[in-house]
């Protein structure tokens, strides 16, 4: 999942560099791409699991957020901001929603 985010951001940055995408679209994509990837990750993990979707989405979301948090703390010289907490919560919520949707779809197909 993190590879998808990195490759996606790289491709969109490349398009922005050659003035194919505007700065507004690029800032929107930088936020929307990780949210979509986290939602898909929660969906995929929950679909292939026998546990509850909310638990699987929470698990994958917390693992990836912990990794992203460590990278941001160790790799960036800027301090910790409250916007980061809000962003991480949105990513966690997207992962949980993806897990819930996967389980609901799996239960509906069994009926």
N, C-alpha and C. Protein backbone atom coordinates (compact mmCIF):
# COMPACT_ATOMS: atom_id res chain seq x y z
N UNK A 1 0.82 -1.19 0.00
CA UNK A 1 0.00 0.00 0.00
C UNK A 1 0.86 1.26 0.00
N UNK A 2 1.92 1.24 0.79
CA UNK A 2 2.78 2.42 0.81
C UNK A 2 3.49 2.60 -0.52
N UNK A 3 3.82 1.50 -1.18
CA UNK A 3 4.44 1.57 -2.50
C UNK A 3 3.51 2.22 -3.51
N UNK A 4 2.23 1.90 -3.42
CA UNK A 4 1.24 2.51 -4.31
C UNK A 4 1.16 4.01 -4.08
N UNK A 5 1.21 4.42 -2.83
CA UNK A 5 1.17 5.85 -2.53
C UNK A 5 2.40 6.54 -3.09
N UNK A 6 3.57 5.94 -2.88
CA UNK A 6 4.81 6.56 -3.35
C UNK A 6 4.85 6.64 -4.86
N UNK A 7 4.49 5.56 -5.55
CA UNK A 7 4.49 5.55 -7.02
C UNK A 7 3.46 6.54 -7.56
N UNK A 8 2.27 6.56 -6.95
CA UNK A 8 1.23 7.49 -7.39
C UNK A 8 1.63 8.95 -7.22
N UNK A 9 2.19 9.28 -6.07
CA UNK A 9 2.63 10.65 -5.85
C UNK A 9 3.76 11.01 -6.82
N UNK A 10 4.67 10.07 -7.07
CA UNK A 10 5.75 10.32 -8.02
C UNK A 10 5.21 10.61 -9.41
N UNK A 11 4.25 9.81 -9.87
CA UNK A 11 3.69 10.02 -11.21
C UNK A 11 2.95 11.36 -11.31
N UNK A 12 2.17 11.68 -10.28
CA UNK A 12 1.44 12.94 -10.31
C UNK A 12 2.38 14.14 -10.18
N UNK A 13 3.46 13.98 -9.43
CA UNK A 13 4.45 15.05 -9.34
C UNK A 13 5.15 15.26 -10.67
N UNK A 14 5.40 14.18 -11.36
CA UNK A 14 6.00 14.26 -12.69
C UNK A 14 5.07 15.00 -13.65
N UNK A 15 3.79 14.69 -13.59
CA UNK A 15 2.81 15.39 -14.43
C UNK A 15 2.74 16.87 -14.05
N UNK A 16 2.85 17.16 -12.76
CA UNK A 16 2.85 18.55 -12.31
C UNK A 16 4.10 19.28 -12.77
N UNK A 17 5.23 18.60 -12.78
CA UNK A 17 6.48 19.20 -13.20
C UNK A 17 6.42 19.67 -14.66
N UNK A 18 5.76 18.90 -15.50
CA UNK A 18 5.64 19.26 -16.91
C UNK A 18 4.39 20.11 -17.18
N UNK A 19 3.81 20.68 -16.14
CA UNK A 19 2.66 21.58 -16.21
C UNK A 19 1.43 20.94 -16.86
N UNK A 20 1.28 19.65 -16.68
CA UNK A 20 0.07 18.97 -17.15
C UNK A 20 -1.03 19.11 -16.09
N UNK A 21 -0.63 19.06 -14.83
CA UNK A 21 -1.56 19.25 -13.71
C UNK A 21 -1.27 20.57 -13.03
N UNK A 22 -2.32 21.22 -12.57
CA UNK A 22 -2.13 22.48 -11.84
C UNK A 22 -1.78 22.19 -10.38
N UNK A 23 -1.36 23.21 -9.67
CA UNK A 23 -1.01 23.05 -8.27
C UNK A 23 -2.22 22.70 -7.40
N UNK A 24 -3.38 23.23 -7.74
CA UNK A 24 -4.59 22.92 -6.97
C UNK A 24 -4.96 21.45 -7.12
N UNK A 25 -4.89 20.94 -8.32
CA UNK A 25 -5.21 19.53 -8.55
C UNK A 25 -4.18 18.65 -7.85
N UNK A 26 -2.93 19.05 -7.89
CA UNK A 26 -1.87 18.27 -7.25
C UNK A 26 -2.06 18.21 -5.74
N UNK A 27 -2.41 19.32 -5.12
CA UNK A 27 -2.63 19.30 -3.67
C UNK A 27 -3.84 18.44 -3.31
N UNK A 28 -4.85 18.45 -4.16
CA UNK A 28 -6.03 17.60 -3.94
C UNK A 28 -5.66 16.12 -4.08
N UNK A 29 -4.85 15.78 -5.07
CA UNK A 29 -4.44 14.39 -5.30
C UNK A 29 -3.55 13.90 -4.16
N UNK A 30 -2.68 14.75 -3.63
CA UNK A 30 -1.81 14.34 -2.53
C UNK A 30 -2.59 13.96 -1.29
N UNK A 31 -3.78 14.48 -1.14
CA UNK A 31 -4.62 14.12 -0.01
C UNK A 31 -5.52 12.95 -0.36
N UNK A 32 -6.09 12.96 -1.55
CA UNK A 32 -7.07 11.95 -1.94
C UNK A 32 -6.44 10.58 -2.21
N UNK A 33 -5.25 10.53 -2.77
CA UNK A 33 -4.60 9.26 -3.10
C UNK A 33 -4.35 8.40 -1.86
N UNK A 34 -3.74 8.91 -0.79
CA UNK A 34 -3.56 8.07 0.40
C UNK A 34 -4.88 7.63 1.04
N UNK A 35 -5.88 8.50 1.01
CA UNK A 35 -7.18 8.12 1.58
C UNK A 35 -7.77 6.95 0.79
N UNK A 36 -7.71 7.02 -0.52
CA UNK A 36 -8.20 5.93 -1.35
C UNK A 36 -7.41 4.65 -1.17
N UNK A 37 -6.11 4.76 -1.04
CA UNK A 37 -5.26 3.57 -0.86
C UNK A 37 -5.54 2.94 0.50
N UNK A 38 -5.69 3.74 1.54
CA UNK A 38 -6.01 3.19 2.86
C UNK A 38 -7.38 2.52 2.85
N UNK A 39 -8.35 3.12 2.19
CA UNK A 39 -9.67 2.51 2.08
C UNK A 39 -9.62 1.19 1.35
N UNK A 40 -8.86 1.14 0.26
CA UNK A 40 -8.72 -0.11 -0.49
C UNK A 40 -7.96 -1.15 0.32
N UNK A 41 -6.94 -0.73 1.07
CA UNK A 41 -6.20 -1.66 1.91
C UNK A 41 -7.08 -2.31 2.97
N UNK A 42 -7.90 -1.50 3.63
CA UNK A 42 -8.84 -2.04 4.60
C UNK A 42 -9.86 -2.95 3.95
N UNK A 43 -10.30 -2.59 2.76
CA UNK A 43 -11.25 -3.42 2.01
C UNK A 43 -10.63 -4.77 1.67
N UNK A 44 -9.42 -4.74 1.13
CA UNK A 44 -8.76 -5.98 0.68
C UNK A 44 -8.45 -6.91 1.85
N UNK A 45 -7.95 -6.35 2.94
CA UNK A 45 -7.61 -7.18 4.09
C UNK A 45 -8.86 -7.78 4.73
N UNK A 46 -9.92 -7.01 4.83
CA UNK A 46 -11.15 -7.50 5.44
C UNK A 46 -11.87 -8.51 4.57
N UNK A 47 -11.76 -8.35 3.26
CA UNK A 47 -12.43 -9.27 2.35
C UNK A 47 -11.85 -10.68 2.47
N UNK A 48 -10.56 -10.78 2.71
CA UNK A 48 -9.90 -12.07 2.79
C UNK A 48 -9.75 -12.58 4.21
N UNK A 49 -10.47 -12.02 5.16
CA UNK A 49 -10.35 -12.39 6.56
C UNK A 49 -11.69 -12.89 7.08
N UNK A 50 -11.62 -13.68 8.14
CA UNK A 50 -12.85 -14.16 8.76
C UNK A 50 -13.25 -13.30 9.95
N UNK A 51 -12.42 -12.33 10.32
CA UNK A 51 -12.72 -11.45 11.45
C UNK A 51 -13.61 -10.30 10.99
N UNK A 52 -14.01 -9.48 11.95
CA UNK A 52 -14.86 -8.34 11.66
C UNK A 52 -14.12 -7.30 10.83
N UNK A 53 -14.83 -6.64 9.95
CA UNK A 53 -14.23 -5.65 9.07
C UNK A 53 -13.66 -4.45 9.79
N UNK A 54 -14.34 -4.02 10.84
CA UNK A 54 -13.86 -2.85 11.57
C UNK A 54 -12.51 -3.14 12.24
N UNK A 55 -12.35 -4.36 12.74
CA UNK A 55 -11.10 -4.74 13.40
C UNK A 55 -9.97 -4.83 12.39
N UNK A 56 -10.22 -5.43 11.24
CA UNK A 56 -9.19 -5.56 10.21
C UNK A 56 -8.80 -4.20 9.64
N UNK A 57 -9.77 -3.34 9.41
CA UNK A 57 -9.49 -1.99 8.93
C UNK A 57 -8.70 -1.19 9.95
N UNK A 58 -9.07 -1.33 11.21
CA UNK A 58 -8.35 -0.65 12.28
C UNK A 58 -6.92 -1.15 12.38
N UNK A 59 -6.75 -2.46 12.24
CA UNK A 59 -5.41 -3.04 12.36
C UNK A 59 -4.48 -2.55 11.25
N UNK A 60 -4.91 -2.64 10.01
CA UNK A 60 -4.04 -2.22 8.91
C UNK A 60 -3.83 -0.71 8.94
N UNK A 61 -4.85 0.03 9.32
CA UNK A 61 -4.72 1.48 9.41
C UNK A 61 -3.73 1.90 10.47
N UNK A 62 -3.78 1.28 11.65
CA UNK A 62 -2.85 1.63 12.72
C UNK A 62 -1.42 1.25 12.39
N UNK A 63 -1.23 0.11 11.74
CA UNK A 63 0.12 -0.30 11.35
C UNK A 63 0.73 0.70 10.38
N UNK A 64 -0.02 1.07 9.36
CA UNK A 64 0.51 2.01 8.36
C UNK A 64 0.67 3.41 8.91
N UNK A 65 -0.23 3.83 9.77
CA UNK A 65 -0.11 5.16 10.36
C UNK A 65 1.09 5.21 11.29
N UNK A 66 1.35 4.14 12.04
CA UNK A 66 2.53 4.11 12.90
C UNK A 66 3.80 4.23 12.06
N UNK A 67 3.83 3.53 10.94
CA UNK A 67 4.99 3.61 10.05
C UNK A 67 5.14 5.03 9.49
N UNK A 68 4.05 5.61 9.02
CA UNK A 68 4.11 6.96 8.47
C UNK A 68 4.50 7.98 9.54
N UNK A 69 4.02 7.79 10.76
CA UNK A 69 4.35 8.68 11.86
C UNK A 69 5.84 8.62 12.18
N UNK A 70 6.39 7.41 12.23
CA UNK A 70 7.82 7.26 12.49
C UNK A 70 8.67 7.90 11.40
N UNK A 71 8.27 7.71 10.16
CA UNK A 71 9.01 8.31 9.05
C UNK A 71 8.94 9.82 9.13
N UNK A 72 7.79 10.37 9.46
CA UNK A 72 7.66 11.83 9.53
C UNK A 72 8.44 12.40 10.71
N UNK A 73 8.48 11.70 11.82
CA UNK A 73 9.22 12.19 12.99
C UNK A 73 10.73 12.08 12.76
N UNK A 74 11.17 10.96 12.21
CA UNK A 74 12.60 10.75 12.02
C UNK A 74 13.16 11.46 10.79
N UNK A 75 12.35 11.63 9.78
CA UNK A 75 12.85 12.16 8.52
C UNK A 75 12.66 13.63 8.29
N UNK A 76 11.77 14.24 9.01
CA UNK A 76 11.48 15.66 8.77
C UNK A 76 11.97 16.50 9.95
N UNK A 77 12.49 17.64 9.65
CA UNK A 77 12.99 18.52 10.70
C UNK A 77 11.88 19.35 11.34
N UNK A 78 10.74 19.42 10.69
CA UNK A 78 9.63 20.20 11.26
C UNK A 78 9.02 19.45 12.44
N UNK A 79 8.48 20.20 13.35
CA UNK A 79 7.88 19.62 14.54
C UNK A 79 6.54 18.96 14.25
N UNK A 80 5.99 18.36 15.26
CA UNK A 80 4.71 17.68 15.14
C UNK A 80 3.59 18.71 15.18
N UNK A 81 2.63 18.58 14.28
CA UNK A 81 1.52 19.52 14.19
C UNK A 81 0.19 18.81 14.40
N UNK A 82 -0.79 19.57 14.79
CA UNK A 82 -2.13 19.01 15.01
C UNK A 82 -2.80 18.62 13.70
N UNK A 83 -2.40 19.27 12.62
CA UNK A 83 -2.94 18.88 11.31
C UNK A 83 -2.56 17.44 10.98
N UNK A 84 -1.41 17.01 11.44
CA UNK A 84 -0.96 15.64 11.20
C UNK A 84 -1.88 14.65 11.90
N UNK A 85 -2.27 14.95 13.11
CA UNK A 85 -3.18 14.06 13.84
C UNK A 85 -4.51 13.94 13.11
N UNK A 86 -5.03 15.05 12.64
CA UNK A 86 -6.29 15.03 11.88
C UNK A 86 -6.14 14.21 10.61
N UNK A 87 -5.03 14.38 9.91
CA UNK A 87 -4.77 13.64 8.68
C UNK A 87 -4.68 12.14 8.96
N UNK A 88 -3.97 11.76 10.02
CA UNK A 88 -3.86 10.35 10.38
C UNK A 88 -5.21 9.77 10.78
N UNK A 89 -6.03 10.54 11.46
CA UNK A 89 -7.37 10.06 11.83
C UNK A 89 -8.25 9.86 10.59
N UNK A 90 -8.12 10.74 9.62
CA UNK A 90 -8.88 10.57 8.37
C UNK A 90 -8.43 9.31 7.65
N UNK A 91 -7.12 9.07 7.62
CA UNK A 91 -6.61 7.84 6.99
C UNK A 91 -7.10 6.60 7.73
N UNK A 92 -7.09 6.64 9.05
CA UNK A 92 -7.58 5.52 9.84
C UNK A 92 -9.07 5.29 9.59
N UNK A 93 -9.84 6.36 9.51
CA UNK A 93 -11.27 6.25 9.25
C UNK A 93 -11.52 5.65 7.86
N UNK A 94 -10.71 6.03 6.87
CA UNK A 94 -10.86 5.47 5.52
C UNK A 94 -10.57 3.97 5.52
N UNK A 95 -9.56 3.56 6.27
CA UNK A 95 -9.23 2.14 6.37
C UNK A 95 -10.36 1.35 7.04
N UNK A 96 -10.92 1.90 8.09
CA UNK A 96 -12.02 1.24 8.80
C UNK A 96 -13.25 1.14 7.90
N UNK A 97 -13.57 2.21 7.20
CA UNK A 97 -14.73 2.20 6.29
C UNK A 97 -14.54 1.17 5.19
N UNK A 98 -13.31 1.07 4.65
CA UNK A 98 -13.03 0.06 3.64
C UNK A 98 -13.25 -1.35 4.17
N UNK A 99 -12.82 -1.60 5.42
CA UNK A 99 -13.04 -2.90 6.03
C UNK A 99 -14.50 -3.21 6.25
N UNK A 100 -15.26 -2.22 6.69
CA UNK A 100 -16.69 -2.42 6.92
C UNK A 100 -17.42 -2.70 5.60
N UNK A 101 -17.08 -1.96 4.57
CA UNK A 101 -17.72 -2.16 3.26
C UNK A 101 -17.43 -3.56 2.73
N UNK A 102 -16.20 -4.03 2.91
CA UNK A 102 -15.84 -5.37 2.43
C UNK A 102 -16.65 -6.44 3.14
N UNK A 103 -16.79 -6.31 4.44
CA UNK A 103 -17.55 -7.32 5.19
C UNK A 103 -19.04 -7.27 4.85
N UNK A 104 -19.58 -6.08 4.66
CA UNK A 104 -20.99 -5.97 4.31
C UNK A 104 -21.25 -6.60 2.95
N UNK A 105 -20.35 -6.37 2.00
CA UNK A 105 -20.50 -6.96 0.68
C UNK A 105 -20.37 -8.47 0.72
N UNK A 106 -19.48 -8.97 1.56
CA UNK A 106 -19.28 -10.42 1.68
C UNK A 106 -20.51 -11.07 2.32
N UNK A 107 -21.09 -10.41 3.34
CA UNK A 107 -22.28 -10.95 4.00
C UNK A 107 -23.49 -10.90 3.08
N UNK A 108 -23.60 -9.86 2.24
CA UNK A 108 -24.74 -9.75 1.34
C UNK A 108 -24.68 -10.79 0.24
N UNK A 109 -23.49 -11.19 -0.20
CA UNK A 109 -23.38 -12.19 -1.25
C UNK A 109 -23.65 -13.59 -0.71
N UNK A 110 -23.51 -13.82 0.60
CA UNK A 110 -23.79 -15.12 1.18
C UNK A 110 -25.28 -15.40 1.26
N UNK A 111 -26.09 -14.35 1.36
CA UNK A 111 -27.54 -14.52 1.55
C UNK A 111 -28.24 -14.96 0.31
